[in-house]
């Protein structure tokens, strides 16, 4: 996959926007962040029970919606522009981004403060703190800057600060049996620490020269399509949870939240895999100008295919393995009282595969400046989710909410695939089907045919080996579109 996505060797010299190195750097940071969030979530479930976990999950869902609003798509467009611009333009672009995020953060914080009276008492203090410090709590857009400045490993330091505060604070609150509100307060404080450390590191690389208000508003307008799409997408990802909260009790909400947390893991994996691709795809397309030839989209299509095929093969195999291990995973993470989360987890793994494929295509479309499609896709997903929830939740609250979310992700992927096909051509070919499907089929065969007692060992091993084989097959396909990037612009 590295040879397909990166220019690792052109004329016997290294350089370029190397996906592999940037993936490792960002994956380390996101991995620490993800592991800490999951550990805190599991601690709340184990020691506070399903009802408290349901309220905790609701607080995190509302906070996530606020963070998406404070981002408004600017992180993706920021990464795409950094990939296309030269080093001399980074300070100006960073200044416009800082000003835009300050405006968005203040507006989002004000809206969240107005919504506080409608929220449960147990989560109001945490969300009030987040509202007051929203520009800092939402400062999570710096991975692309670390990447283009040849410091992708710096992504791990904000995550370590977040992890230390989140895990330590949650454990202390549970041990001291503090009021339930303390749990969500710790989560918000950890997010603020993440933003503070990230900004401190960014200022060591690029000077802070905030732009004027007109420049900030122009940056927000440029990201409007992605921003509205992300807001609708975030809402779509939480419609099932919120409708379940309206029609079921806190205990059922806790069961659903525990299983659905694995979809949140899949979403984080999608972002980890695809965030380093945005500058790479942006460099493939180049600056968007009037009369630009089709050469940029031709190169982009090849790059997207080179990323999509191995990533999708690994995702499908991982989803099958997660389905096989669903019951022990839930029992290990949350304890024996969360049996209702097992089928939700299995549905969540399918959602994760669809989301990862959609995110790769989304990352490929952003550098083209085509963002209106994203609004249509997210709107279609929200409509699908609402209708399906209304029909399926009365039939079975947990399964109905999960299946509604799965149908919504499928609707989103269909819209994105159609948009990419129309703008740049087919992102994959029929010849890629065996490479994508074989690891999942082999993993499913190991699950079905292997001894039940050995499934926890055999299935992951088969998944890893089959994905490695698929990756080797991809590596054998020589890249046909190397990007001859000058060495001084190398990002790693």
Foldseek 3Di string as FASTA:
>chain_A
DQLQQACQADPRDGFGLGLVVLLVQQCLQLVLLLVLVLQLLLVCLAQVHQLLSLLLLVLVLVLVLLLLQLCLQLLLLLLLVLLQDDPVCNQVSLQLVLLLSVVSLQVSLVVQVVCLVVGDPLASVQSNVCSVVVSLLNQPRCCSVCQQLQNSNLSNVLSVQLSCQLNVQSVVCSVVVPRSSSNSNSNSVSSSSSSVSSVVVSCVRHPHDHDDPVSNVVSSVLSNLVSLLSSLQSCLLCVLLVVLVVVHHSNVSSLLSLLLVVLVVLLSVLCSSAVSSLSSLSNLQHDDDPPDDLSSLQSLLSSLLLSLLLVLLLLLLVLLLCLLCQVVVSCVRNNDPNPSSSVLNNLSSLLSSLSSNLSSLVSNCVSVSDRNLSNVLSVQLNVQLVVQLVVQCVVPSNVSSSVSSSVSSVSSSVSSQVVSCVPRRHSYDPVSVCLRCVLNVQLNCCSVPPDSVCSNPRSVVSSVVSSVVSVVVSVVPRHDDHDPDDRVSGSD
